[in-house]
Amino acid sequence: MHKSFKVLSDPRIIMRVLMGLLLAGDLVVAVVAFHPFGGSAEDLQRQRDGLESRLQQARDSLAQTRRLSEKVKAARTAGDQFMDEYILDSRTAPDVIAEELHRITEAAGIHPGPQQYSQDAIEGSETLQMWSISMGFESDYAKLAKFVELVDKSPKFLILDNLQAAAPQNQAVKSLTATVKIKTFVRVHNSDLVAEVAR
């Protein structure tokens, strides 16, 4: 006990202990002053600014995605409306086409011959086909021009693909011999496709 009291009374040891305590206190103060836990006010402000910037980018991205989604919906709606209005249904297409061509030829003053139909698949589509309608007739130039104009203005989306006209060999005959090929798009139902495969 006397020996431990003697160690504590040694001024060198006391000074060393005091210096150690002061150094430890200075270190604690330095850590708190220069690197506070959680960062300095400037660090926290930078973090906040960065988070706000990322939040704004996320909001902008969300707004752009919503705009894109609305455009996709509008395009899908417009596409569906176009299909409903202009693309014929395979179940009614022959009657609709025959009726429309009858209306056009009658308005143009032409008496057409028999019509021939052919169907071609459209690459990349399982529900659409391209139908070709060929027919021949005799007509003068004015009636032929009227026919072409009426096909072009038809609400049934008929495409005049090919027209061949030949002048008569006999100069006394004023009519032209014409052959036309008209194309249109037709929507085919899955049940029709299954029936075609079965055949």
Foldseek 3Di string as FASTA:
>chain_A
DVVVVVCVVPVVNVVVVVVVVVVVVVVVVCCCVPPNVVGDPVVVVVVVVVVVVVVVVVVVVVVVVVVVVVVVVVVVVVVVVCCVQAAAAPVCVVVVVVVLLVVLLVVLVWDKDDKDKDWAPDPPDPFKIKIKIKIKTKAAPSSVVSSVVSQVVPSRPKAFDDKDWDADPDPVDRIIIMMTMIMGMYTYDPVRVVVVVVD
